[in-house]
Full PDB file with SEQRES, HELIX, SHEET, SSBOND, CRYST1, ORIGX, SCALE, CONECT and MASTER records, all heavy atoms in Angstrom:
SEQRES   1 A   32  ALA PRO GLY ASN GLN ARG GLU MET VAL ALA THR ILE THR          
SEQRES   2 A   32  ARG GLY GLY SER LEU ASN TYR ALA ASP SER VAL LYS GLY          
SEQRES   3 A   32  ARG PHE THR ILE SER ARG                                      
SHEET    1 AA1 2 ALA A  10  ILE A  12  0                                        
SHEET    2 AA1 2 LEU A  18  TYR A  20 -1                                        
CRYST1    1.000    1.000    1.000  90.00  90.00  90.00 P 1           1          
ORIGX1      1.000000  0.000000  0.000000        0.00000                         
ORIGX2      0.000000  1.000000  0.000000        0.00000                         
ORIGX3      0.000000  0.000000  1.000000        0.00000                         
SCALE1      1.000000  0.000000  0.000000        0.00000                         
SCALE2      0.000000  1.000000  0.000000        0.00000                         
SCALE3      0.000000  0.000000  1.000000        0.00000                         
ATOM      1  N   ALA A   1       0.845  -1.181   0.000  1.00  0.00           N  
ATOM      2  CA  ALA A   1       0.000   0.000   0.000  1.00  0.00           C  
ATOM      3  C   ALA A   1       0.886   1.238   0.000  1.00  0.00           C  
ATOM      4  O   ALA A   1       2.043   1.189   0.425  1.00  0.00           O  
ATOM      5  CB  ALA A   1      -0.918  -0.005   1.218  1.00  0.00           C  
ATOM      6  N   PRO A   2       0.361   2.375  -0.467  1.00  0.00           N  
ATOM      7  CA  PRO A   2       1.167   3.595  -0.486  1.00  0.00           C  
ATOM      8  C   PRO A   2       1.749   3.927   0.881  1.00  0.00           C  
ATOM      9  O   PRO A   2       1.040   3.915   1.890  1.00  0.00           O  
ATOM     10  CB  PRO A   2       0.170   4.666  -0.932  1.00  0.00           C  
ATOM     11  CG  PRO A   2      -0.832   3.908  -1.740  1.00  0.00           C  
ATOM     12  CD  PRO A   2      -0.966   2.584  -1.046  1.00  0.00           C  
ATOM     13  N   GLY A   3       3.043   4.188   0.910  1.00  0.00           N  
ATOM     14  CA  GLY A   3       3.721   4.528   2.146  1.00  0.00           C  
ATOM     15  C   GLY A   3       4.127   3.350   2.996  1.00  0.00           C  
ATOM     16  O   GLY A   3       4.762   3.545   4.042  1.00  0.00           O  
ATOM     17  N   ASN A   4       3.769   2.148   2.580  1.00  0.00           N  
ATOM     18  CA  ASN A   4       4.089   0.954   3.349  1.00  0.00           C  
ATOM     19  C   ASN A   4       5.115   0.088   2.627  1.00  0.00           C  
ATOM     20  O   ASN A   4       5.321   0.206   1.424  1.00  0.00           O  
ATOM     21  CB  ASN A   4       2.830   0.129   3.616  1.00  0.00           C  
ATOM     22  CG  ASN A   4       1.842   0.822   4.519  1.00  0.00           C  
ATOM     23  OD1 ASN A   4       2.195   1.750   5.250  1.00  0.00           O  
ATOM     24  ND2 ASN A   4       0.591   0.384   4.471  1.00  0.00           N  
ATOM     25  N   GLN A   5       5.735  -0.793   3.391  1.00  0.00           N  
ATOM     26  CA  GLN A   5       6.634  -1.772   2.808  1.00  0.00           C  
ATOM     27  C   GLN A   5       5.837  -2.905   2.184  1.00  0.00           C  
ATOM     28  O   GLN A   5       4.702  -3.182   2.585  1.00  0.00           O  
ATOM     29  CB  GLN A   5       7.581  -2.331   3.871  1.00  0.00           C  
ATOM     30  CG  GLN A   5       8.570  -1.326   4.432  1.00  0.00           C  
ATOM     31  CD  GLN A   5       9.509  -1.959   5.435  1.00  0.00           C  
ATOM     32  OE1 GLN A   5       9.077  -2.641   6.365  1.00  0.00           O  
ATOM     33  NE2 GLN A   5      10.801  -1.743   5.248  1.00  0.00           N  
ATOM     34  N   ARG A   6       6.433  -3.550   1.213  1.00  0.00           N  
ATOM     35  CA  ARG A   6       5.807  -4.710   0.615  1.00  0.00           C  
ATOM     36  C   ARG A   6       5.829  -5.864   1.621  1.00  0.00           C  
ATOM     37  O   ARG A   6       6.849  -6.133   2.259  1.00  0.00           O  
ATOM     38  CB  ARG A   6       6.524  -5.111  -0.668  1.00  0.00           C  
ATOM     39  CG  ARG A   6       5.818  -6.199  -1.459  1.00  0.00           C  
ATOM     40  CD  ARG A   6       6.434  -6.370  -2.843  1.00  0.00           C  
ATOM     41  NE  ARG A   6       6.288  -5.167  -3.653  1.00  0.00           N  
ATOM     42  CZ  ARG A   6       6.612  -5.088  -4.929  1.00  0.00           C  
ATOM     43  NH1 ARG A   6       7.105  -6.145  -5.557  1.00  0.00           N  
ATOM     44  NH2 ARG A   6       6.453  -3.946  -5.591  1.00  0.00           N  
ATOM     45  N   GLU A   7       4.702  -6.526   1.759  1.00  0.00           N  
ATOM     46  CA  GLU A   7       4.594  -7.611   2.718  1.00  0.00           C  
ATOM     47  C   GLU A   7       4.103  -8.885   2.049  1.00  0.00           C  
ATOM     48  O   GLU A   7       3.357  -8.848   1.068  1.00  0.00           O  
ATOM     49  CB  GLU A   7       3.648  -7.241   3.863  1.00  0.00           C  
ATOM     50  CG  GLU A   7       2.213  -7.018   3.438  1.00  0.00           C  
ATOM     51  CD  GLU A   7       1.275  -6.809   4.607  1.00  0.00           C  
ATOM     52  OE1 GLU A   7       1.635  -7.155   5.744  1.00  0.00           O  
ATOM     53  OE2 GLU A   7       0.159  -6.293   4.380  1.00  0.00           O  
ATOM     54  N   MET A   8       4.534  -9.994   2.596  1.00  0.00           N  
ATOM     55  CA  MET A   8       4.079 -11.283   2.113  1.00  0.00           C  
ATOM     56  C   MET A   8       2.650 -11.513   2.561  1.00  0.00           C  
ATOM     57  O   MET A   8       2.313 -11.269   3.719  1.00  0.00           O  
ATOM     58  CB  MET A   8       4.989 -12.394   2.647  1.00  0.00           C  
ATOM     59  CG  MET A   8       4.696 -13.778   2.071  1.00  0.00           C  
ATOM     60  SD  MET A   8       3.398 -14.673   2.986  1.00  0.00           S  
ATOM     61  CE  MET A   8       4.247 -15.011   4.524  1.00  0.00           C  
ATOM     62  N   VAL A   9       1.838 -11.981   1.632  1.00  0.00           N  
ATOM     63  CA  VAL A   9       0.458 -12.326   1.932  1.00  0.00           C  
ATOM     64  C   VAL A   9       0.308 -13.833   2.065  1.00  0.00           C  
ATOM     65  O   VAL A   9      -0.222 -14.335   3.050  1.00  0.00           O  
ATOM     66  CB  VAL A   9      -0.502 -11.787   0.858  1.00  0.00           C  
ATOM     67  CG1 VAL A   9      -1.931 -12.223   1.147  1.00  0.00           C  
ATOM     68  CG2 VAL A   9      -0.403 -10.273   0.768  1.00  0.00           C  
ATOM     69  N   ALA A  10       0.764 -14.550   1.057  1.00  0.00           N  
ATOM     70  CA  ALA A  10       0.657 -16.003   1.053  1.00  0.00           C  
ATOM     71  C   ALA A  10       1.640 -16.573   0.051  1.00  0.00           C  
ATOM     72  O   ALA A  10       1.913 -15.962  -0.979  1.00  0.00           O  
ATOM     73  CB  ALA A  10      -0.761 -16.454   0.711  1.00  0.00           C  
ATOM     74  N   THR A  11       2.179 -17.739   0.355  1.00  0.00           N  
ATOM     75  CA  THR A  11       3.077 -18.434  -0.557  1.00  0.00           C  
ATOM     76  C   THR A  11       2.696 -19.899  -0.632  1.00  0.00           C  
ATOM     77  O   THR A  11       2.086 -20.450   0.292  1.00  0.00           O  
ATOM     78  CB  THR A  11       4.554 -18.322  -0.138  1.00  0.00           C  
ATOM     79  OG1 THR A  11       4.740 -18.918   1.149  1.00  0.00           O  
ATOM     80  CG2 THR A  11       4.996 -16.866  -0.101  1.00  0.00           C  
ATOM     81  N   ILE A  12       3.072 -20.514  -1.735  1.00  0.00           N  
ATOM     82  CA  ILE A  12       2.818 -21.934  -1.932  1.00  0.00           C  
ATOM     83  C   ILE A  12       3.980 -22.525  -2.711  1.00  0.00           C  
ATOM     84  O   ILE A  12       4.439 -21.961  -3.698  1.00  0.00           O  
ATOM     85  CB  ILE A  12       1.469 -22.171  -2.652  1.00  0.00           C  
ATOM     86  CG1 ILE A  12       1.174 -23.668  -2.766  1.00  0.00           C  
ATOM     87  CG2 ILE A  12       1.450 -21.486  -4.013  1.00  0.00           C  
ATOM     88  CD1 ILE A  12      -0.249 -23.964  -3.211  1.00  0.00           C  
ATOM     89  N   THR A  13       4.476 -23.660  -2.247  1.00  0.00           N  
ATOM     90  CA  THR A  13       5.552 -24.348  -2.936  1.00  0.00           C  
ATOM     91  C   THR A  13       4.980 -25.321  -3.948  1.00  0.00           C  
ATOM     92  O   THR A  13       3.778 -25.590  -3.980  1.00  0.00           O  
ATOM     93  CB  THR A  13       6.449 -25.113  -1.955  1.00  0.00           C  
ATOM     94  OG1 THR A  13       5.721 -26.218  -1.402  1.00  0.00           O  
ATOM     95  CG2 THR A  13       6.934 -24.206  -0.837  1.00  0.00           C  
ATOM     96  N   ARG A  14       5.860 -25.859  -4.782  1.00  0.00           N  
ATOM     97  CA  ARG A  14       5.414 -26.828  -5.764  1.00  0.00           C  
ATOM     98  C   ARG A  14       4.811 -28.060  -5.101  1.00  0.00           C  
ATOM     99  O   ARG A  14       3.894 -28.675  -5.656  1.00  0.00           O  
ATOM    100  CB  ARG A  14       6.574 -27.235  -6.668  1.00  0.00           C  
ATOM    101  CG  ARG A  14       6.139 -28.076  -7.856  1.00  0.00           C  
ATOM    102  CD  ARG A  14       7.241 -28.255  -8.863  1.00  0.00           C  
ATOM    103  NE  ARG A  14       6.755 -28.913 -10.074  1.00  0.00           N  
ATOM    104  CZ  ARG A  14       6.192 -28.285 -11.088  1.00  0.00           C  
ATOM    105  NH1 ARG A  14       6.058 -26.965 -11.063  1.00  0.00           N  
ATOM    106  NH2 ARG A  14       5.774 -28.961 -12.148  1.00  0.00           N  
ATOM    107  N   GLY A  15       5.311 -28.405  -3.919  1.00  0.00           N  
ATOM    108  CA  GLY A  15       4.777 -29.530  -3.180  1.00  0.00           C  
ATOM    109  C   GLY A  15       3.503 -29.235  -2.430  1.00  0.00           C  
ATOM    110  O   GLY A  15       2.912 -30.156  -1.851  1.00  0.00           O  
ATOM    111  N   GLY A  16       3.083 -27.984  -2.414  1.00  0.00           N  
ATOM    112  CA  GLY A  16       1.822 -27.627  -1.794  1.00  0.00           C  
ATOM    113  C   GLY A  16       1.909 -27.062  -0.390  1.00  0.00           C  
ATOM    114  O   GLY A  16       0.867 -26.868   0.247  1.00  0.00           O  
ATOM    115  N   SER A  17       3.104 -26.800   0.107  1.00  0.00           N  
ATOM    116  CA  SER A  17       3.234 -26.200   1.431  1.00  0.00           C  
ATOM    117  C   SER A  17       2.742 -24.757   1.400  1.00  0.00           C  
ATOM    118  O   SER A  17       3.087 -23.996   0.501  1.00  0.00           O  
ATOM    119  CB  SER A  17       4.683 -26.242   1.907  1.00  0.00           C  
ATOM    120  OG  SER A  17       5.123 -27.580   2.058  1.00  0.00           O  
ATOM    121  N   LEU A  18       1.961 -24.388   2.402  1.00  0.00           N  
ATOM    122  CA  LEU A  18       1.311 -23.089   2.439  1.00  0.00           C  
ATOM    123  C   LEU A  18       1.818 -22.239   3.594  1.00  0.00           C  
ATOM    124  O   LEU A  18       2.099 -22.752   4.679  1.00  0.00           O  
ATOM    125  CB  LEU A  18      -0.203 -23.260   2.579  1.00  0.00           C  
ATOM    126  CG  LEU A  18      -0.891 -24.172   1.566  1.00  0.00           C  
ATOM    127  CD1 LEU A  18      -2.356 -24.340   1.935  1.00  0.00           C  
ATOM    128  CD2 LEU A  18      -0.754 -23.599   0.168  1.00  0.00           C  
ATOM    129  N   ASN A  19       1.914 -20.955   3.349  1.00  0.00           N  
ATOM    130  CA  ASN A  19       2.225 -19.988   4.385  1.00  0.00           C  
ATOM    131  C   ASN A  19       1.360 -18.756   4.180  1.00  0.00           C  
ATOM    132  O   ASN A  19       1.200 -18.287   3.050  1.00  0.00           O  
ATOM    133  CB  ASN A  19       3.702 -19.598   4.363  1.00  0.00           C  
ATOM    134  CG  ASN A  19       4.601 -20.684   4.910  1.00  0.00           C  
ATOM    135  OD1 ASN A  19       4.627 -20.932   6.114  1.00  0.00           O  
ATOM    136  ND2 ASN A  19       5.341 -21.340   4.032  1.00  0.00           N  
ATOM    137  N   TYR A  20       0.822 -18.235   5.279  1.00  0.00           N  
ATOM    138  CA  TYR A  20      -0.033 -17.064   5.233  1.00  0.00           C  
ATOM    139  C   TYR A  20       0.415 -16.035   6.248  1.00  0.00           C  
ATOM    140  O   TYR A  20       0.897 -16.376   7.336  1.00  0.00           O  
ATOM    141  CB  TYR A  20      -1.488 -17.419   5.553  1.00  0.00           C  
ATOM    142  CG  TYR A  20      -2.169 -18.291   4.539  1.00  0.00           C  
ATOM    143  CD1 TYR A  20      -2.210 -19.671   4.700  1.00  0.00           C  
ATOM    144  CD2 TYR A  20      -2.790 -17.737   3.426  1.00  0.00           C  
ATOM    145  CE1 TYR A  20      -2.844 -20.479   3.770  1.00  0.00           C  
ATOM    146  CE2 TYR A  20      -3.428 -18.538   2.498  1.00  0.00           C  
ATOM    147  CZ  TYR A  20      -3.456 -19.909   2.668  1.00  0.00           C  
ATOM    148  OH  TYR A  20      -4.095 -20.704   1.748  1.00  0.00           O  
ATOM    149  N   ALA A  21       0.230 -14.777   5.882  1.00  0.00           N  
ATOM    150  CA  ALA A  21       0.392 -13.723   6.865  1.00  0.00           C  
ATOM    151  C   ALA A  21      -0.708 -13.853   7.910  1.00  0.00           C  
ATOM    152  O   ALA A  21      -1.833 -14.254   7.602  1.00  0.00           O  
ATOM    153  CB  ALA A  21       0.318 -12.350   6.195  1.00  0.00           C  
ATOM    154  N   ASP A  22      -0.378 -13.519   9.150  1.00  0.00           N  
ATOM    155  CA  ASP A  22      -1.362 -13.642  10.219  1.00  0.00           C  
ATOM    156  C   ASP A  22      -2.625 -12.829   9.927  1.00  0.00           C  
ATOM    157  O   ASP A  22      -3.730 -13.230  10.307  1.00  0.00           O  
ATOM    158  CB  ASP A  22      -0.762 -13.189  11.547  1.00  0.00           C  
ATOM    159  CG  ASP A  22       0.264 -14.163  12.087  1.00  0.00           C  
ATOM    160  OD1 ASP A  22       0.270 -15.337  11.653  1.00  0.00           O  
ATOM    161  OD2 ASP A  22       1.060 -13.758  12.956  1.00  0.00           O  
ATOM    162  N   SER A  23      -2.470 -11.716   9.253  1.00  0.00           N  
ATOM    163  CA  SER A  23      -3.592 -10.827   9.001  1.00  0.00           C  
ATOM    164  C   SER A  23      -4.622 -11.400   8.033  1.00  0.00           C  
ATOM    165  O   SER A  23      -5.745 -10.894   7.967  1.00  0.00           O  
ATOM    166  CB  SER A  23      -3.096  -9.482   8.474  1.00  0.00           C  
ATOM    167  OG  SER A  23      -2.376  -9.645   7.270  1.00  0.00           O  
ATOM    168  N   VAL A  24      -4.254 -12.440   7.278  1.00  0.00           N  
ATOM    169  CA  VAL A  24      -5.178 -12.983   6.285  1.00  0.00           C  
ATOM    170  C   VAL A  24      -5.573 -14.423   6.566  1.00  0.00           C  
ATOM    171  O   VAL A  24      -6.406 -14.976   5.839  1.00  0.00           O  
ATOM    172  CB  VAL A  24      -4.606 -12.869   4.862  1.00  0.00           C  
ATOM    173  CG1 VAL A  24      -4.199 -11.433   4.557  1.00  0.00           C  
ATOM    174  CG2 VAL A  24      -3.427 -13.818   4.664  1.00  0.00           C  
ATOM    175  N   LYS A  25      -5.004 -15.029   7.581  1.00  0.00           N  
ATOM    176  CA  LYS A  25      -5.330 -16.417   7.888  1.00  0.00           C  
ATOM    177  C   LYS A  25      -6.822 -16.563   8.166  1.00  0.00           C  
ATOM    178  O   LYS A  25      -7.419 -15.773   8.886  1.00  0.00           O  
ATOM    179  CB  LYS A  25      -4.529 -16.904   9.096  1.00  0.00           C  
ATOM    180  CG  LYS A  25      -3.072 -17.172   8.805  1.00  0.00           C  
ATOM    181  CD  LYS A  25      -2.341 -17.695  10.037  1.00  0.00           C  
ATOM    182  CE  LYS A  25      -0.893 -18.006   9.728  1.00  0.00           C  
ATOM    183  NZ  LYS A  25      -0.153 -18.465  10.924  1.00  0.00           N  
ATOM    184  N   GLY A  26      -7.401 -17.589   7.580  1.00  0.00           N  
ATOM    185  CA  GLY A  26      -8.819 -17.836   7.740  1.00  0.00           C  
ATOM    186  C   GLY A  26      -9.688 -17.103   6.754  1.00  0.00           C  
ATOM    187  O   GLY A  26     -10.884 -17.401   6.660  1.00  0.00           O  
ATOM    188  N   ARG A  27      -9.127 -16.145   6.027  1.00  0.00           N  
ATOM    189  CA  ARG A  27      -9.894 -15.375   5.056  1.00  0.00           C  
ATOM    190  C   ARG A  27      -9.416 -15.585   3.624  1.00  0.00           C  
ATOM    191  O   ARG A  27     -10.227 -15.588   2.699  1.00  0.00           O  
ATOM    192  CB  ARG A  27      -9.832 -13.884   5.383  1.00  0.00           C  
ATOM    193  CG  ARG A  27     -10.382 -13.531   6.755  1.00  0.00           C  
ATOM    194  CD  ARG A  27     -10.469 -12.022   6.947  1.00  0.00           C  
ATOM    195  NE  ARG A  27      -9.151 -11.392   6.894  1.00  0.00           N  
ATOM    196  CZ  ARG A  27      -8.796 -10.469   6.003  1.00  0.00           C  
ATOM    197  NH1 ARG A  27      -9.660 -10.061   5.072  1.00  0.00           N  
ATOM    198  NH2 ARG A  27      -7.580  -9.933   6.039  1.00  0.00           N  
ATOM    199  N   PHE A  28      -8.111 -15.741   3.448  1.00  0.00           N  
ATOM    200  CA  PHE A  28      -7.530 -15.913   2.120  1.00  0.00           C  
ATOM    201  C   PHE A  28      -7.085 -17.351   1.931  1.00  0.00           C  
ATOM    202  O   PHE A  28      -6.642 -18.011   2.883  1.00  0.00           O  
ATOM    203  CB  PHE A  28      -6.311 -15.008   1.927  1.00  0.00           C  
ATOM    204  CG  PHE A  28      -6.612 -13.536   1.859  1.00  0.00           C  
ATOM    205  CD1 PHE A  28      -7.873 -13.030   2.148  1.00  0.00           C  
ATOM    206  CD2 PHE A  28      -5.612 -12.646   1.505  1.00  0.00           C  
ATOM    207  CE1 PHE A  28      -8.139 -11.675   2.085  1.00  0.00           C  
ATOM    208  CE2 PHE A  28      -5.858 -11.287   1.436  1.00  0.00           C  
ATOM    209  CZ  PHE A  28      -7.124 -10.796   1.731  1.00  0.00           C  
ATOM    210  N   THR A  29      -7.162 -17.817   0.698  1.00  0.00           N  
ATOM    211  CA  THR A  29      -6.703 -19.152   0.351  1.00  0.00           C  
ATOM    212  C   THR A  29      -5.872 -19.084  -0.917  1.00  0.00           C  
ATOM    213  O   THR A  29      -6.339 -18.581  -1.943  1.00  0.00           O  
ATOM    214  CB  THR A  29      -7.875 -20.124   0.140  1.00  0.00           C  
ATOM    215  OG1 THR A  29      -8.678 -20.175   1.321  1.00  0.00           O  
ATOM    216  CG2 THR A  29      -7.347 -21.523  -0.165  1.00  0.00           C  
ATOM    217  N   ILE A  30      -4.645 -19.580  -0.845  1.00  0.00           N  
ATOM    218  CA  ILE A  30      -3.775 -19.625  -2.010  1.00  0.00           C  
ATOM    219  C   ILE A  30      -3.784 -21.038  -2.581  1.00  0.00           C  
ATOM    220  O   ILE A  30      -3.835 -22.023  -1.835  1.00  0.00           O  
ATOM    221  CB  ILE A  30      -2.341 -19.176  -1.660  1.00  0.00           C  
ATOM    222  CG1 ILE A  30      -1.491 -19.017  -2.926  1.00  0.00           C  
ATOM    223  CG2 ILE A  30      -1.685 -20.139  -0.679  1.00  0.00           C  
ATOM    224  CD1 ILE A  30      -0.132 -18.384  -2.671  1.00  0.00           C  
ATOM    225  N   SER A  31      -3.735 -21.132  -3.880  1.00  0.00           N  
ATOM    226  CA  SER A  31      -3.696 -22.426  -4.543  1.00  0.00           C  
ATOM    227  C   SER A  31      -2.967 -22.266  -5.871  1.00  0.00           C  
ATOM    228  O   SER A  31      -2.731 -21.151  -6.330  1.00  0.00           O  
ATOM    229  CB  SER A  31      -5.102 -22.991  -4.763  1.00  0.00           C  
ATOM    230  OG  SER A  31      -5.866 -22.138  -5.596  1.00  0.00           O  
ATOM    231  N   ARG A  32      -2.617 -23.375  -6.479  1.00  0.00           N  
ATOM    232  CA  ARG A  32      -1.952 -23.316  -7.774  1.00  0.00           C  
ATOM    233  C   ARG A  32      -2.277 -24.540  -8.605  1.00  0.00           C  
ATOM    234  O   ARG A  32      -2.588 -25.613  -8.074  1.00  0.00           O  
ATOM    235  CB  ARG A  32      -0.431 -23.170  -7.613  1.00  0.00           C  
ATOM    236  CG  ARG A  32       0.251 -24.357  -6.938  1.00  0.00           C  
ATOM    237  CD  ARG A  32       1.757 -24.153  -6.824  1.00  0.00           C  
ATOM    238  NE  ARG A  32       2.415 -24.144  -8.125  1.00  0.00           N  
ATOM    239  CZ  ARG A  32       3.730 -24.062  -8.301  1.00  0.00           C  
ATOM    240  NH1 ARG A  32       4.530 -23.965  -7.253  1.00  0.00           N  
ATOM    241  NH2 ARG A  32       4.244 -24.062  -9.531  1.00  0.00           N  
TER     242      ARG A  32                                                      
MASTER        0    0    0    0    2    0    0    6  241    1    0    3          
END                                                                             
């Protein structure tokens, strides 16, 4: 966002391991 640093929201590895920022857990879902 303007004036803020870039932050990680969610990541997914080729094997399917998931990581979420605490602020989006339970609301966002990453998939590939």
